[in-house]
Protein backbone atom coordinates (compact mmCIF):
# COMPACT_ATOMS: atom_id res chain seq x y z
CA MET A 1 70.22 104.21 181.24
CA PHE A 2 70.84 102.07 184.17
CA LYS A 3 68.57 99.47 182.77
CA ARG A 4 70.62 99.22 179.44
CA THR A 5 74.08 99.56 181.30
CA PRO A 6 73.97 96.02 182.38
CA ARG A 7 72.80 94.32 178.92
CA PHE A 8 75.85 96.37 177.58
CA LEU A 9 78.44 95.13 180.37
CA VAL A 10 77.57 91.34 179.68
CA LEU A 11 77.53 91.92 175.74
CA LEU A 12 81.05 93.51 176.49
CA LEU A 13 82.10 90.69 178.79
CA VAL A 14 80.92 87.98 176.01
CA CYS A 15 82.87 90.07 173.22
CA ILE A 16 86.38 89.43 175.80
CA PHE A 17 85.37 86.15 176.45
CA PHE A 18 85.15 84.71 172.66
CA ILE A 19 88.55 87.16 171.67
CA CYS A 20 90.26 85.76 174.70
CA THR A 21 89.08 81.77 174.52
CA LEU A 22 88.52 81.31 170.97
CA ALA A 23 90.85 83.42 168.81
CA PRO A 24 93.63 80.74 169.81
CA SER A 25 91.60 78.10 168.50
CA ALA A 26 90.66 80.05 165.52
CA LEU A 27 94.51 80.28 164.80
CA HIS A 28 94.90 76.76 165.67
CA ALA A 29 92.70 75.70 163.00
CA GLN A 30 94.02 77.92 160.77
CA GLU A 31 97.42 76.03 161.32
CA HIS A 32 95.47 72.62 161.46
CA THR A 33 93.86 73.46 158.08
CA GLY A 34 97.64 73.73 156.27
CA VAL A 35 98.41 70.28 157.99
CA GLN A 36 95.25 68.78 156.84
CA GLY A 37 95.56 69.69 153.53
CA PHE A 38 98.68 68.10 153.07
CA VAL A 39 96.87 65.11 154.20
CA ILE A 40 94.24 65.19 152.18
CA ARG A 41 96.20 65.66 149.02
CA LEU A 42 98.72 62.73 149.93
CA TYR A 43 95.45 60.55 150.48
CA GLU A 44 94.22 61.96 146.82
CA THR A 45 97.23 61.40 144.98
CA CYS A 46 98.67 58.25 146.59
CA LEU A 47 95.57 56.43 147.01
CA GLY A 48 93.09 57.78 144.95
CA ARG A 49 90.56 58.81 148.05
CA ALA A 50 89.29 61.04 150.33
CA PRO A 51 90.22 60.38 153.32
CA ASP A 52 88.72 58.66 156.30
CA PRO A 53 87.90 60.69 159.47
CA GLN A 54 89.84 58.44 162.05
CA GLY A 55 92.91 58.10 159.39
CA LEU A 56 92.94 62.10 158.74
CA GLN A 57 93.28 62.68 162.20
CA ASN A 58 96.34 60.73 162.92
CA TRP A 59 98.12 61.60 160.48
CA VAL A 60 97.37 65.40 161.26
CA ASP A 61 98.21 64.94 164.65
CA HIS A 62 101.61 63.19 163.75
CA LEU A 63 103.11 66.22 161.41
CA GLN A 64 101.37 68.83 163.66
CA SER A 65 103.46 67.33 166.97
CA GLY A 66 106.92 67.07 165.15
CA GLN A 67 106.82 63.33 165.37
CA ILE A 68 107.27 62.93 162.00
CA SER A 69 108.24 64.94 158.59
CA GLY A 70 106.62 65.17 155.55
CA GLY A 71 108.55 63.08 153.60
CA GLN A 72 108.12 60.01 156.47
CA ALA A 73 103.96 60.73 156.01
CA ALA A 74 104.56 60.42 152.48
CA TYR A 75 106.49 56.80 152.95
CA GLY A 76 103.77 55.65 154.63
CA PHE A 77 101.11 56.26 152.02
CA VAL A 78 103.19 55.31 149.34
CA PHE A 79 104.41 51.71 150.87
CA SER A 80 100.78 51.16 152.82
CA THR A 81 99.54 47.67 152.87
CA GLU A 82 96.40 49.57 150.38
CA LEU A 83 98.81 51.03 147.76
CA VAL A 84 101.20 48.00 147.61
CA SER A 85 98.37 45.46 147.53
CA GLN A 86 97.53 47.03 143.78
CA ASN A 87 100.99 45.53 142.51
CA LEU A 88 101.17 48.84 140.36
CA SER A 89 103.33 48.85 137.29
CA ASP A 90 106.41 50.51 137.53
CA SER A 91 104.48 53.37 135.21
CA GLN A 92 101.95 53.97 137.54
CA PHE A 93 104.43 53.97 140.70
CA LEU A 94 106.35 56.81 138.76
CA ASP A 95 103.25 58.63 137.86
CA ILE A 96 102.43 59.06 141.77
CA MET A 97 105.52 60.02 142.49
CA TYR A 98 105.92 62.84 140.14
CA ARG A 99 101.95 64.21 140.80
CA ALA A 100 102.66 63.58 144.80
CA PHE A 101 106.10 64.74 144.93
CA PHE A 102 106.61 67.38 142.07
CA GLY A 103 102.68 68.37 141.83
CA ARG A 104 102.94 67.90 138.45
CA ALA A 105 102.39 64.94 135.41
CA PRO A 106 106.05 63.39 134.57
CA ASP A 107 108.56 64.81 131.84
CA ALA A 108 109.21 62.35 129.16
CA GLY A 109 112.85 62.33 129.78
CA GLY A 110 112.93 62.29 133.17
CA PHE A 111 110.09 59.53 133.08
CA ALA A 112 112.32 57.33 130.93
CA ASN A 113 115.50 58.11 133.11
CA TRP A 114 113.43 56.52 136.28
CA MET A 115 112.00 53.61 134.12
CA GLY A 116 115.55 52.51 132.99
CA HIS A 117 116.56 52.86 137.01
CA LEU A 118 113.99 50.82 138.00
CA GLY A 119 114.16 47.99 134.64
CA GLN A 120 117.93 48.25 136.19
CA GLY A 121 117.09 46.78 139.93
CA MET A 122 116.84 50.31 141.42
CA SER A 123 114.15 49.78 144.25
CA ARG A 124 111.09 51.81 144.91
CA GLU A 125 112.49 52.81 147.90
CA ASN A 126 115.24 54.40 146.52
CA VAL A 127 113.53 56.54 143.71
CA PHE A 128 110.85 57.14 146.68
CA ALA A 129 113.91 58.78 148.19
CA HIS A 130 115.04 60.72 145.53
CA PHE A 131 112.05 62.18 144.71
CA VAL A 132 111.08 62.98 148.54
CA ASN A 133 114.70 64.69 148.70
CA SER A 134 113.87 66.50 145.99
CA GLN A 135 113.27 70.48 146.04
CA GLU A 136 109.96 70.75 144.12
CA PHE A 137 108.57 68.32 147.07
CA ALA A 138 110.63 70.73 149.81
CA ALA A 139 108.45 73.48 148.12
CA ILE A 140 105.52 71.65 148.39
CA CYS A 141 105.83 70.70 152.11
CA ALA A 142 106.56 75.03 152.68
CA SER A 143 103.49 75.52 151.04
CA TYR A 144 101.60 74.05 153.77
CA GLY A 145 103.74 74.83 156.77
CA ILE A 146 105.51 71.45 157.47
CA GLN A 147 109.21 70.15 157.10
CA ALA A 148 109.78 67.66 154.18
CA GLY A 149 112.77 65.93 155.99
CA THR A 150 115.11 63.85 154.21
CA ILE A 151 115.23 60.27 153.89
CA ALA A 152 118.80 58.06 153.11
CA ALA A 153 119.23 57.44 149.38
CA GLN A 154 121.62 55.24 147.09
CA ALA A 155 122.99 57.83 144.26
CA ALA A 156 121.27 56.52 141.29
CA PRO A 157 123.81 55.19 138.68
CA THR A 158 124.24 56.49 135.26
CA VAL A 159 121.67 54.67 133.10
CA GLN A 160 123.02 54.10 129.72
CA LYS A 161 120.23 54.62 127.16
CA ASP A 162 119.26 51.10 124.91
CA GLN A 163 120.70 52.34 121.65
CA LYS A 164 118.74 49.24 120.13
CA ILE A 165 115.54 51.89 120.53
CA GLN A 166 115.27 54.47 118.41
CA GLY A 167 112.85 57.10 118.22
CA SER A 168 111.42 60.61 120.28
CA ASP A 169 111.59 60.55 123.65
CA GLN A 170 107.61 59.48 124.08
CA PHE A 171 108.69 56.74 121.93
CA TYR A 172 111.51 55.79 123.85
CA SER A 173 109.88 55.58 127.13
CA LEU A 174 106.97 53.81 125.53
CA ILE A 175 109.02 51.21 124.41
CA SER A 176 111.26 51.15 127.80
CA GLU A 177 107.81 50.27 129.65
CA ALA A 178 106.57 47.58 127.61
CA LEU A 179 109.81 45.69 127.72
CA ALA A 180 109.83 45.72 131.62
CA LEU A 181 106.45 44.45 131.57
CA LEU A 182 107.49 41.97 129.35
CA LYS A 183 110.57 41.02 131.88
CA ASN A 184 108.76 40.91 134.61
CA HIS A 185 105.45 38.99 133.34
CA ASP A 186 106.44 37.41 130.33
CA PRO A 187 110.02 36.51 130.27
CA GLU A 188 110.15 34.01 127.63
CA ALA A 189 108.84 36.42 125.17
CA TYR A 190 111.17 39.15 126.63
CA ALA A 191 114.29 36.60 126.02
CA GLN A 192 113.52 36.81 122.59
CA TYR A 193 114.28 40.88 122.59
CA ARG A 194 117.91 39.80 122.10
CA LEU A 195 116.62 38.45 118.31
CA ALA A 196 116.08 42.26 117.67
CA SER A 197 118.37 44.38 116.10
CA ARG A 198 116.52 47.41 116.62
CA ILE A 199 113.04 48.94 117.88
CA ILE A 200 112.51 51.80 115.44
CA GLU A 201 109.41 54.12 115.17
CA THR A 202 108.60 54.81 111.79
CA PRO A 203 105.24 56.06 109.92
CA LEU A 204 103.51 52.95 108.98
CA GLN A 205 100.44 52.75 106.08
CA ALA A 206 97.90 50.72 107.82
CA ALA A 207 99.81 48.46 110.61
CA PHE A 208 100.61 49.14 114.08
CA ALA A 209 103.97 47.28 113.87
CA ALA A 210 105.67 45.17 111.46
CA THR A 211 109.16 43.03 111.18
CA ASP A 212 111.91 42.45 108.59
CA GLY A 213 113.33 39.44 109.80
CA LYS A 214 115.85 42.00 111.89
CA ASN A 215 113.79 45.03 113.31
CA VAL A 216 110.79 45.85 114.73
CA TYR A 217 108.99 48.67 113.82
CA ILE A 218 106.52 50.47 115.86
CA ASP A 219 103.77 53.07 114.41
CA LEU A 220 102.42 54.94 117.91
CA SER A 221 99.70 56.29 115.47
CA ASN A 222 98.35 53.36 114.37
CA ARG A 223 97.35 51.66 117.77
CA GLU A 224 94.43 49.49 117.72
CA PHE A 225 93.03 49.01 121.08
CA PRO A 226 93.17 52.35 122.56
CA GLU A 227 90.58 50.98 125.39
CA VAL A 228 93.92 49.66 127.62
CA PRO A 229 96.85 51.08 128.67
CA PHE A 230 99.28 52.21 125.60
CA ALA A 231 102.31 50.56 127.04
CA TYR A 232 100.49 47.24 127.78
CA GLU A 233 99.23 47.28 124.31
CA ILE A 234 102.66 47.88 123.16
CA ALA A 235 104.08 44.97 125.07
CA CYS A 236 101.80 42.42 123.52
CA VAL A 237 102.64 43.65 120.20
CA LEU A 238 106.14 43.25 121.02
CA SER A 239 105.69 39.84 121.94
CA HIS A 240 104.08 39.17 118.30
CA GLU A 241 106.78 40.97 116.74
CA PHE A 242 109.92 38.96 118.97
CA ASN A 243 108.01 35.64 117.97
CA HIS A 244 108.18 36.42 114.32
CA LEU A 245 111.76 36.72 114.97
CA ALA A 246 111.99 33.73 116.86
CA ASN A 247 110.36 31.82 113.86
CA TRP A 248 111.62 33.97 110.83
CA ASP A 249 113.67 30.50 109.38
CA TYR A 250 110.96 28.29 109.88
CA TYR A 251 109.05 31.31 107.35
CA ARG A 252 112.33 31.89 104.85
CA ARG A 253 112.06 28.09 104.23
CA THR A 254 108.51 27.19 104.02
CA GLY A 255 107.05 30.50 103.19
CA ASP A 256 103.51 29.63 105.71
CA LEU A 257 102.46 33.09 106.70
CA TYR A 258 99.30 31.82 107.90
CA GLY A 259 101.30 29.50 110.13
CA MET A 260 103.49 32.53 111.41
CA GLU A 261 100.59 34.44 112.12
CA ILE A 262 99.21 31.93 114.21
CA MET A 263 102.19 31.28 116.06
CA ALA A 264 102.61 35.34 116.83
CA PHE A 265 99.06 35.62 117.34
CA ASN A 266 98.97 32.71 120.15
CA GLN A 267 102.07 34.19 121.75
CA GLN A 268 100.60 37.51 121.82
CA PHE A 269 97.51 35.90 123.47
CA TYR A 270 99.44 34.40 126.36
CA THR A 271 101.13 37.58 126.74
CA ALA A 272 98.26 39.35 127.08
CA GLN A 273 96.80 36.81 129.78
CA ARG A 274 99.97 37.00 132.07
CA LEU A 275 99.94 40.66 131.75
CA GLY A 276 96.30 40.74 133.29
CA MET A 277 94.66 42.15 129.96
CA PRO A 278 91.03 42.57 130.01
CA ASP A 279 88.73 40.46 128.71
CA GLN A 280 87.87 42.30 125.38
CA TYR A 281 91.06 42.17 124.57
CA LEU A 282 91.71 38.91 124.61
CA TYR A 283 88.29 37.95 122.91
CA TYR A 284 89.93 40.33 120.12
CA ILE A 285 92.98 38.34 119.68
CA LEU A 286 91.22 34.75 119.68
CA TRP A 287 88.69 36.14 116.98
CA VAL A 288 91.77 37.22 114.98
CA ILE A 289 93.23 33.73 115.53
CA ASP A 290 89.98 32.37 114.48
CA ASN A 291 89.48 34.42 111.77
CA ILE A 292 92.89 34.81 110.18
CA TYR A 293 92.76 32.35 107.38
CA TYR A 294 89.62 34.04 106.02
CA LEU A 295 91.50 38.00 106.82
CA TYR A 296 94.14 36.76 105.04
CA LEU A 297 92.60 35.28 101.69
CA GLN A 298 90.55 37.99 101.41
CA SER A 299 92.89 40.90 102.02
CA PRO A 300 96.71 39.80 101.23
CA SER A 301 98.32 43.02 102.53
CA PHE A 302 96.96 41.47 106.01
CA GLY A 303 100.63 40.04 106.27
CA ALA A 304 102.60 43.17 105.08
CA ASP A 305 103.66 43.24 108.17
CA ILE A 306 106.34 40.67 107.24
CA ARG A 307 108.51 42.02 104.78
């Protein structure tokens, strides 16, 4: 009995030591995991990658010490050199906003509204502030045990819906995004938008787009190149149809459908270049240009988009 007592006391003392010294550390580690989870989430939703250990620890330390709020940390990710250098389109930027600050994909109506604000000149910093100040982001921050904070934001002006775009919410969002792409990357093609009376969502038998010299018709179910982002494909197609509108008097005067298509496909090709479309898309347009006369002779319906 006497020989076993020292071992028992030693074991008891060791247990007391661990309880007294490691329990606070364990509690601190649990708190650290919550903040760490928030930072990892920002890396994944904003930068699309796992964190580097040093960067992760730096953000965690600043959040745990109260030096910065969740919103301020988010600003550091959204407007980091790493993300800004990617030259995101407005739609890509908004997709990150929704996923990072709302924890969900964009809804069509809200997405179209913010696209409208950006298209009318609202800065991305101001859009960011509205997302940070939302109740949805506050709830996400609370779930990680941190404060969201607030960021000064200018009131979002009421966006007047473009009455020339007629169709579903999804259609309106995609056309608005495509027009914004043209405005930013190919202003010459965008300037031809003024010639269109309306852009209408319409079922077409075999075409993605059509025009009657006044209106442009788009059938979202007939996209031709699903390998590229939809709005980018629509922007190129709109450039094509806008060129038809710009040269409509020429077509009415000459009846030269072949010449009309050559001009439109050439403009579509230059728009695709300016949008940074992949090589396979550019090769496809060049192939069509090289074979358009043969295609038209073999299938007169090829020109049926000019009605």
